[in-house]
């Protein structure tokens, strides 16, 4: 199967470029086309079974999370674009295969090659690049499946999505009682401490709260405390989509299961995942353990607290979100940096004082003002170190000090923000009620 390698002549992209050019800087539109085309031309690998394997950039593996975000900007281009629809459907089919094969893995090989981030990891599955269990790795494909349906009206993937959703719900139910029911372990003998789980690979102890446990964050760093709050809220939103799909399929049992678990996750977050901050009032914690410990920070990787309107269907005007946002975008957040080149959120996954373009894009996409969205887009353009690409992170005072020269997720986030700035992004697609 052949998939498109360029969107340069797509009518929505052409319209977006014209609107971006009208803002007075031709770099905006040029970058949009280059970033959309780069993902199509360089990261998509058609497979003999009709699926599509998507590399994350400069690593030859497919991440469930990254491949979802890499496809997300194209949802705004789906109308009358059958080839793009077929591509996203093929990516979903590959994601479904991967979850069915190993729902605890976060990244996979294109074939059973045995390649791995660390060959000495406990997981010896030749299909698995890495088995860092992350709640978001299961949530993101379900979000994509539902949003793809809404954007296109296509239903040919829904039965498979429902099957995968049952697997996911089973895992999330098990991990609500990680201490007693889970057999998952992760031990890595080499690398930083954030690459392995303490307590013989079980992670730090947690009490039952109703949230579902995660060994690792969306950054692939180990959780300090086992309940990652933004991931739980993202899982709840994914379950809302599952319920919608199940109702369409007249699968009452699945719909009821999804609704029930989504409610449990949200109730547990409100009961155990919020704290009272002396300067900001009630805010979401980043991680908790149900034993009285809470980690107050955010991470640039999504799901993040900053990204909740994008990944958890929480309104950008919600008071609890706004208070949390004020915390995240302040010096009180240990991963927020301000320098001479930019200010924004970084991650413990990268060096100190490094800001992530993903987080800058998220800040723009979740802003309630057009001026802030354009400011974020301009910052991304101004900090690309002359490469014409987004990077994983860059130093707050010097964009030429950056990590990862080719990071497709960050490129996709630029495209998503650029489309949003000119009111052609997915946010406007949903508000218009398009799709199924």
Protein backbone atom coordinates (compact mmCIF):
# COMPACT_ATOMS: atom_id res chain seq x y z
CA UNK A 1 0.00 0.00 0.00
CA UNK A 2 1.25 3.46 -0.90
CA UNK A 3 0.73 6.30 1.53
CA UNK A 4 1.02 10.04 0.77
CA UNK A 5 4.45 11.60 1.19
CA UNK A 6 3.44 15.26 0.93
CA UNK A 7 0.51 17.54 1.76
CA UNK A 8 1.88 20.57 -0.06
CA UNK A 9 -1.08 20.64 -2.47
CA UNK A 10 -3.74 19.81 0.13
CA UNK A 11 -6.40 22.57 0.05
CA UNK A 12 -6.48 22.97 3.85
CA UNK A 13 -2.68 23.27 3.97
CA UNK A 14 -2.70 25.79 1.13
CA UNK A 15 -5.33 27.82 2.96
CA UNK A 16 -3.35 27.59 6.20
CA UNK A 17 -0.17 28.80 4.48
CA UNK A 18 -2.01 31.79 3.01
CA UNK A 19 -3.42 32.73 6.39
CA UNK A 20 -0.04 32.25 8.07
CA UNK A 21 1.65 34.39 5.42
CA UNK A 22 -0.89 37.11 6.16
CA UNK A 23 0.53 37.25 9.70
CA UNK A 24 3.67 38.80 8.22
CA UNK A 25 6.30 36.07 8.58
CA UNK A 26 6.74 33.56 5.72
CA UNK A 27 8.56 31.18 8.05
CA UNK A 28 5.28 30.13 9.69
CA UNK A 29 3.82 28.56 6.56
CA UNK A 30 7.08 27.15 5.23
CA UNK A 31 7.70 25.39 8.51
CA UNK A 32 4.17 23.96 8.54
CA UNK A 33 4.58 22.31 5.15
CA UNK A 34 8.08 21.06 5.93
CA UNK A 35 7.04 19.52 9.24
CA UNK A 36 3.93 17.81 7.83
CA UNK A 37 5.86 16.47 4.85
CA UNK A 38 8.78 15.31 6.99
CA UNK A 39 6.53 12.99 9.02
CA UNK A 40 4.95 11.51 5.90
CA UNK A 41 8.15 11.11 3.89
CA UNK A 42 10.56 9.95 6.60
CA UNK A 43 8.74 8.25 9.47
CA UNK A 44 6.06 6.11 7.78
CA UNK A 45 6.98 2.55 6.81
CA UNK A 46 4.27 0.59 4.91
CA UNK A 47 4.18 -3.01 6.12
CA UNK A 48 3.30 -6.13 4.08
CA UNK A 49 0.13 -6.68 6.13
CA UNK A 50 -1.26 -3.25 5.18
CA UNK A 51 -0.42 -1.58 8.48
CA UNK A 52 1.93 1.39 8.90
CA UNK A 53 4.93 1.36 11.23
CA UNK A 54 5.90 4.85 12.43
CA UNK A 55 9.37 5.61 13.75
CA UNK A 56 9.63 8.38 16.31
CA UNK A 57 12.49 10.09 14.47
CA UNK A 58 16.10 9.27 15.27
CA UNK A 59 15.22 5.99 17.06
CA UNK A 60 14.18 2.99 14.90
CA UNK A 61 11.21 1.99 17.07
CA UNK A 62 7.49 2.81 17.14
CA UNK A 63 6.08 4.35 20.31
CA UNK A 64 2.34 4.02 20.89
CA UNK A 65 2.22 7.55 22.31
CA UNK A 66 4.46 9.24 19.76
CA UNK A 67 2.83 7.63 16.74
CA UNK A 68 -0.53 8.94 17.94
CA UNK A 69 0.71 12.51 18.33
CA UNK A 70 2.55 12.29 15.00
CA UNK A 71 -0.77 11.55 13.29
CA UNK A 72 -2.88 14.06 15.21
CA UNK A 73 -2.32 17.16 12.98
CA UNK A 74 -3.54 15.23 9.94
CA UNK A 75 -6.97 14.76 11.53
CA UNK A 76 -7.65 18.36 10.50
CA UNK A 77 -6.95 17.39 6.86
CA UNK A 78 -9.14 14.28 6.68
CA UNK A 79 -12.16 15.60 4.78
CA UNK A 80 -12.13 14.19 1.22
CA UNK A 81 -8.54 12.97 1.73
CA UNK A 82 -8.91 9.21 1.38
CA UNK A 83 -5.18 8.53 1.22
CA UNK A 84 -4.56 10.34 4.51
CA UNK A 85 -7.50 8.53 6.07
CA UNK A 86 -6.05 5.20 4.94
CA UNK A 87 -2.71 6.14 6.50
CA UNK A 88 -4.19 6.89 9.91
CA UNK A 89 -6.30 3.72 9.71
CA UNK A 90 -3.12 1.73 8.96
CA UNK A 91 -1.31 3.33 11.92
CA UNK A 92 -4.24 2.45 14.17
CA UNK A 93 -4.20 -1.13 12.90
CA UNK A 94 -0.52 -1.38 13.80
CA UNK A 95 -1.12 0.11 17.25
CA UNK A 96 -3.95 -2.35 17.85
CA UNK A 97 -1.64 -5.24 16.91
CA UNK A 98 0.99 -4.00 19.31
CA UNK A 99 -1.40 -3.62 22.25
CA UNK A 100 -2.88 -7.04 21.58
CA UNK A 101 0.61 -8.51 21.53
CA UNK A 102 1.93 -6.85 24.70
CA UNK A 103 -0.18 -4.21 26.49
CA UNK A 104 2.63 -3.44 28.96
CA UNK A 105 5.13 -2.36 26.29
CA UNK A 106 5.58 1.24 25.23
CA UNK A 107 7.71 0.80 22.07
CA UNK A 108 7.96 -1.90 19.42
CA UNK A 109 10.11 -3.17 16.58
CA UNK A 110 8.89 -3.42 12.99
CA UNK A 111 9.60 -7.15 13.03
CA UNK A 112 10.65 -9.70 15.67
CA UNK A 113 14.29 -8.64 15.36
CA UNK A 114 15.13 -8.73 19.06
CA UNK A 115 16.43 -5.17 18.91
CA UNK A 116 15.98 -3.36 22.20
CA UNK A 117 16.95 -0.24 24.06
CA UNK A 118 18.71 -2.54 26.52
CA UNK A 119 19.02 -6.23 25.56
CA UNK A 120 19.39 -7.16 29.24
CA UNK A 121 15.90 -5.96 30.21
CA UNK A 122 13.60 -8.55 31.78
CA UNK A 123 11.37 -8.56 28.72
CA UNK A 124 12.90 -10.76 26.04
CA UNK A 125 10.05 -10.44 23.54
CA UNK A 126 11.70 -9.94 20.10
CA UNK A 127 8.88 -7.62 19.01
CA UNK A 128 9.39 -5.26 21.97
CA UNK A 129 11.90 -2.42 21.90
CA UNK A 130 11.07 -1.49 25.48
CA UNK A 131 8.52 -2.64 28.05
CA UNK A 132 8.19 0.44 30.20
CA UNK A 133 4.56 0.31 31.29
CA UNK A 134 2.89 3.70 30.90
CA UNK A 135 -0.83 4.40 31.20
CA UNK A 136 -0.64 6.90 28.34
CA UNK A 137 0.69 4.26 25.93
CA UNK A 138 -2.72 2.61 26.11
CA UNK A 139 -4.77 5.81 26.31
CA UNK A 140 -3.37 7.56 23.24
CA UNK A 141 -4.33 4.97 20.58
CA UNK A 142 -7.86 4.85 21.99
CA UNK A 143 -8.04 8.65 21.83
CA UNK A 144 -6.83 8.52 18.22
CA UNK A 145 -9.36 5.82 17.30
CA UNK A 146 -12.24 7.89 18.59
CA UNK A 147 -11.03 11.21 17.17
CA UNK A 148 -10.37 9.59 13.78
CA UNK A 149 -13.97 8.39 13.72
CA UNK A 150 -15.20 11.86 14.65
CA UNK A 151 -13.04 13.51 11.99
CA UNK A 152 -13.98 11.16 9.14
CA UNK A 153 -17.12 9.22 9.97
CA UNK A 154 -15.22 6.02 9.12
CA UNK A 155 -16.25 3.02 11.15
CA UNK A 156 -14.12 0.21 9.71
CA UNK A 157 -11.73 0.35 12.67
CA UNK A 158 -14.28 0.50 15.47
CA UNK A 159 -14.82 -3.22 16.10
CA UNK A 160 -11.07 -3.73 16.48
CA UNK A 161 -10.87 -0.66 18.71
CA UNK A 162 -13.55 -2.14 20.95
CA UNK A 163 -11.62 -5.41 21.22
CA UNK A 164 -8.45 -3.55 22.16
CA UNK A 165 -10.38 -1.42 24.64
CA UNK A 166 -11.39 -4.56 26.54
CA UNK A 167 -7.70 -5.46 26.86
CA UNK A 168 -6.86 -1.96 28.05
CA UNK A 169 -9.66 -1.89 30.61
CA UNK A 170 -8.44 -5.22 31.94
CA UNK A 171 -4.93 -3.86 32.41
CA UNK A 172 -6.12 -0.63 34.03
CA UNK A 173 -8.36 -2.62 36.37
CA UNK A 174 -5.45 -4.85 37.38
CA UNK A 175 -3.24 -1.83 37.98
CA UNK A 176 -5.82 -0.23 40.26
CA UNK A 177 -4.53 -2.82 42.73
CA UNK A 178 -0.92 -2.95 41.63
CA UNK A 179 0.45 -4.24 44.94
CA UNK A 180 -1.76 -7.34 45.04
CA UNK A 181 -2.75 -8.15 41.47
CA UNK A 182 0.00 -7.03 39.11
CA UNK A 183 2.82 -9.27 37.95
CA UNK A 184 4.54 -6.42 36.07
CA UNK A 185 8.18 -5.77 36.93
CA UNK A 186 10.85 -3.62 35.31
CA UNK A 187 14.52 -3.79 36.23
CA UNK A 188 17.39 -2.23 34.24
CA UNK A 189 20.87 -2.68 35.60
CA UNK A 190 22.53 0.06 33.55
CA UNK A 191 21.76 3.73 32.97
CA UNK A 192 20.33 6.38 35.29
CA UNK A 193 18.08 5.58 38.24
CA UNK A 194 15.13 6.96 36.29
CA UNK A 195 15.48 4.03 33.88
CA UNK A 196 14.49 1.38 36.40
CA UNK A 197 11.91 0.75 39.12
CA UNK A 198 12.87 0.33 42.80
CA UNK A 199 11.58 -2.37 45.10
CA UNK A 200 12.75 -5.26 42.88
CA UNK A 201 11.08 -3.71 39.86
CA UNK A 202 7.68 -3.16 41.49
CA UNK A 203 8.02 0.59 41.98
CA UNK A 204 7.58 2.59 45.16
CA UNK A 205 4.71 1.30 47.36
CA UNK A 206 1.23 2.64 46.70
CA UNK A 207 -2.12 2.36 48.44
CA UNK A 208 -5.34 1.65 46.58
CA UNK A 209 -7.05 4.89 45.58
CA UNK A 210 -9.16 4.05 42.52
CA UNK A 211 -6.51 5.49 40.20
CA UNK A 212 -4.60 3.14 37.93
CA UNK A 213 -0.86 2.65 38.49
CA UNK A 214 1.89 3.51 36.02
CA UNK A 215 5.50 2.42 36.22
CA UNK A 216 6.78 5.18 33.97
CA UNK A 217 5.87 8.68 32.88
CA UNK A 218 5.19 9.80 29.31
CA UNK A 219 8.87 10.80 29.27
CA UNK A 220 9.79 7.10 29.79
CA UNK A 221 11.30 8.10 33.14
CA UNK A 222 10.27 6.10 36.20
CA UNK A 223 7.44 7.52 38.28
CA UNK A 224 8.49 8.72 41.72
CA UNK A 225 4.98 7.83 42.94
CA UNK A 226 2.90 5.29 41.07
CA UNK A 227 -0.21 7.30 40.28
CA UNK A 228 0.47 9.76 37.48
CA UNK A 229 -2.38 12.27 37.62
CA UNK A 230 -2.44 13.60 34.03
CA UNK A 231 -2.17 10.04 32.68
CA UNK A 232 -5.17 8.98 34.77
CA UNK A 233 -7.22 11.90 33.51
CA UNK A 234 -6.19 11.13 29.95
CA UNK A 235 -7.22 7.51 30.48
CA UNK A 236 -10.64 8.69 31.65
CA UNK A 237 -11.05 10.74 28.46
CA UNK A 238 -10.01 7.75 26.36
CA UNK A 239 -12.67 5.70 28.13
CA UNK A 240 -15.28 8.34 27.27
CA UNK A 241 -14.40 7.73 23.64
CA UNK A 242 -14.59 3.98 24.14
CA UNK A 243 -18.09 4.35 25.58
CA UNK A 244 -19.10 6.40 22.53
CA UNK A 245 -17.71 3.74 20.21
CA UNK A 246 -19.39 0.97 22.20
CA UNK A 247 -22.77 2.71 22.03
CA UNK A 248 -22.36 2.96 18.26
CA UNK A 249 -21.64 -0.78 18.14
CA UNK A 250 -24.57 -1.51 20.49
CA UNK A 251 -22.10 -3.08 22.94
CA UNK A 252 -23.80 -2.13 26.18
CA UNK A 253 -21.45 -4.13 28.39
CA UNK A 254 -18.34 -2.40 27.06
CA UNK A 255 -19.98 1.01 27.26
CA UNK A 256 -20.95 0.41 30.89
CA UNK A 257 -17.46 -0.82 31.78
CA UNK A 258 -15.85 2.22 30.18
CA UNK A 259 -18.20 4.70 31.83
CA UNK A 260 -17.76 3.08 35.23
CA UNK A 261 -13.95 3.03 35.10
CA UNK A 262 -13.74 6.60 33.77
CA UNK A 263 -15.83 7.78 36.71
CA UNK A 264 -13.65 5.88 39.18
CA UNK A 265 -10.48 7.43 37.78
CA UNK A 266 -11.85 10.97 37.89
CA UNK A 267 -13.27 10.58 41.38
CA UNK A 268 -9.98 9.14 42.61
CA UNK A 269 -7.99 12.01 41.12
CA UNK A 270 -10.20 14.56 42.83
CA UNK A 271 -9.95 12.69 46.14
CA UNK A 272 -6.24 11.82 46.09
CA UNK A 273 -4.57 13.70 43.20
CA UNK A 274 -5.16 17.31 44.23
CA UNK A 275 -3.38 19.35 46.85
CA UNK A 276 -3.74 22.76 48.47
CA UNK A 277 -0.84 25.00 47.44
CA UNK A 278 -0.14 28.09 49.62
CA UNK A 279 0.24 30.36 46.57
CA UNK A 280 -2.06 28.82 43.98
CA UNK A 281 -4.88 27.20 45.96
CA UNK A 282 -6.20 23.79 44.92
CA UNK A 283 -4.13 22.30 42.08
CA UNK A 284 -3.49 18.92 40.54
CA UNK A 285 -0.39 17.10 41.73
CA UNK A 286 1.75 15.44 39.08
CA UNK A 287 2.13 12.13 40.93
CA UNK A 288 0.80 10.70 44.19
CA UNK A 289 1.01 7.37 45.98
CA UNK A 290 -2.19 7.31 48.03
CA UNK A 291 -0.05 7.17 51.17
CA UNK A 292 0.13 10.93 51.70
CA UNK A 293 2.98 11.75 49.30
CA UNK A 294 2.57 14.08 46.33
CA UNK A 295 5.00 15.36 43.69
CA UNK A 296 4.37 18.93 42.62
CA UNK A 297 5.83 19.52 39.17
CA UNK A 298 4.98 19.04 35.54
CA UNK A 299 6.75 17.33 32.66
CA UNK A 300 6.89 18.58 29.09
CA UNK A 301 5.84 15.19 27.76
CA UNK A 302 2.11 14.62 27.22
CA UNK A 303 -0.06 13.77 29.04
CA UNK A 304 1.08 16.65 31.20
CA UNK A 305 -0.85 18.84 33.58
CA UNK A 306 -0.48 21.71 31.11
CA UNK A 307 -1.95 19.57 28.32
CA UNK A 308 -5.14 18.48 30.12
CA UNK A 309 -7.45 20.39 27.75
CA UNK A 310 -5.84 18.52 24.83
CA UNK A 311 -5.66 15.01 26.24
CA UNK A 312 -8.26 14.86 29.00
CA UNK A 313 -11.17 16.95 27.68
CA UNK A 314 -10.84 19.37 30.60
CA UNK A 315 -11.91 22.88 29.67
CA UNK A 316 -9.12 25.44 29.38
CA UNK A 317 -11.29 27.69 31.53
CA UNK A 318 -11.79 25.14 34.32
CA UNK A 319 -10.79 26.79 37.64
CA UNK A 320 -8.79 23.79 38.91
CA UNK A 321 -6.95 23.59 35.60
CA UNK A 322 -6.27 27.34 35.56
CA UNK A 323 -4.82 27.26 39.08
CA UNK A 324 -2.66 24.29 38.09
CA UNK A 325 -1.59 26.09 34.92
CA UNK A 326 -0.48 29.12 36.92
CA UNK A 327 1.64 26.81 39.07
CA UNK A 328 3.12 24.98 36.07
CA UNK A 329 4.11 28.24 34.36
CA UNK A 330 5.88 29.64 37.41
CA UNK A 331 9.13 29.25 39.30
CA UNK A 332 7.25 27.08 41.80
CA UNK A 333 7.37 24.32 39.18
CA UNK A 334 10.91 22.88 39.28
CA UNK A 335 10.83 22.10 35.55
CA UNK A 336 9.87 25.61 34.38
CA UNK A 337 12.71 27.76 33.09
CA UNK A 338 13.05 31.36 31.92
CA UNK A 339 16.05 32.46 29.91
CA UNK A 340 17.15 34.98 27.32
CA UNK A 341 15.94 32.81 24.42
CA UNK A 342 12.62 31.55 25.79
CA UNK A 343 10.65 30.46 28.81
CA UNK A 344 8.71 27.23 29.24
CA UNK A 345 8.49 23.76 30.71
CA UNK A 346 11.26 21.19 30.53
CA UNK A 347 11.68 17.69 31.86
CA UNK A 348 13.91 15.69 34.21
CA UNK A 349 14.46 13.53 31.12
CA UNK A 350 16.72 16.20 29.61
CA UNK A 351 19.40 18.48 31.07
CA UNK A 352 18.52 21.20 33.52
CA UNK A 353 17.58 24.59 32.02
CA UNK A 354 16.36 22.95 28.81
CA UNK A 355 12.91 23.88 27.50
CA UNK A 356 10.81 21.59 25.31
CA UNK A 357 9.20 22.83 22.07
CA UNK A 358 6.40 20.34 22.77
CA UNK A 359 5.59 22.24 25.96
CA UNK A 360 5.72 25.61 24.19
CA UNK A 361 3.24 24.28 21.62
CA UNK A 362 1.02 22.88 24.37
CA UNK A 363 1.10 26.24 26.18
CA UNK A 364 -0.10 27.91 23.00
CA UNK A 365 -2.76 25.31 22.21
CA UNK A 366 -4.23 25.54 25.71
CA UNK A 367 -4.15 29.33 25.91
CA UNK A 368 -7.39 31.28 25.91
CA UNK A 369 -6.00 34.13 23.77
CA UNK A 370 -5.02 34.29 20.11
CA UNK A 371 -2.05 36.51 21.01
CA UNK A 372 -0.57 33.83 23.27
CA UNK A 373 -0.99 31.18 20.59
CA UNK A 374 0.84 33.32 18.04
CA UNK A 375 3.55 34.14 20.58
CA UNK A 376 4.14 30.42 21.14
CA UNK A 377 4.37 29.80 17.39
CA UNK A 378 6.89 32.62 17.01
CA UNK A 379 8.97 31.26 19.88
CA UNK A 380 9.11 27.86 18.17
CA UNK A 381 10.30 29.45 14.94
CA UNK A 382 12.88 31.60 16.71
CA UNK A 383 14.42 28.71 18.67
CA UNK A 384 14.94 26.11 15.93
CA UNK A 385 18.69 26.86 15.81
CA UNK A 386 18.40 27.53 12.08
CA UNK A 387 17.62 23.87 11.35
CA UNK A 388 14.03 24.29 10.21
CA UNK A 389 13.01 21.56 12.66
CA UNK A 390 11.75 21.23 16.20
CA UNK A 391 14.02 19.55 18.73
CA UNK A 392 13.43 17.58 21.88
CA UNK A 393 14.73 20.43 24.05
CA UNK A 394 16.98 23.47 23.90
CA UNK A 395 18.86 25.55 26.45
CA UNK A 396 16.86 28.50 27.74
CA UNK A 397 19.67 30.92 26.83
CA UNK A 398 21.00 29.26 23.67
CA UNK A 399 18.76 27.34 21.20
CA UNK A 400 21.87 26.03 19.47
CA UNK A 401 22.40 23.77 22.50
CA UNK A 402 19.66 21.26 21.80
CA UNK A 403 18.89 17.56 22.22
CA UNK A 404 17.73 15.22 19.42
CA UNK A 405 18.11 16.73 15.95
CA UNK A 406 15.13 14.75 14.61
CA UNK A 407 12.14 14.36 16.91
CA UNK A 408 8.94 13.85 14.94
CA UNK A 409 6.58 14.35 17.89
CA UNK A 410 7.86 17.91 18.35
CA UNK A 411 7.52 18.57 14.63
CA UNK A 412 3.90 17.42 14.78
CA UNK A 413 3.20 19.75 17.68
CA UNK A 414 4.43 22.71 15.64
CA UNK A 415 2.06 21.71 12.84
CA UNK A 416 -0.84 21.31 15.24
CA UNK A 417 -0.24 24.76 16.73
CA UNK A 418 0.23 26.43 13.34
CA UNK A 419 -3.08 25.05 12.08
CA UNK A 420 -4.75 26.15 15.32
CA UNK A 421 -3.41 29.70 15.07
CA UNK A 422 -5.23 30.15 11.74
CA UNK A 423 -8.36 28.35 12.99
CA UNK A 424 -7.93 25.24 10.85
CA UNK A 425 -6.79 22.81 13.54
CA UNK A 426 -8.57 19.93 15.22
CA UNK A 427 -10.02 22.16 17.94
CA UNK A 428 -12.18 23.84 15.31
CA UNK A 429 -13.04 20.51 13.72
CA UNK A 430 -14.53 19.25 16.99
CA UNK A 431 -16.38 22.48 17.73
CA UNK A 432 -17.91 22.37 14.26
CA UNK A 433 -19.32 18.93 15.01
CA UNK A 434 -17.74 17.26 11.97
CA UNK A 435 -17.32 13.53 11.67
CA UNK A 436 -19.27 10.66 13.15
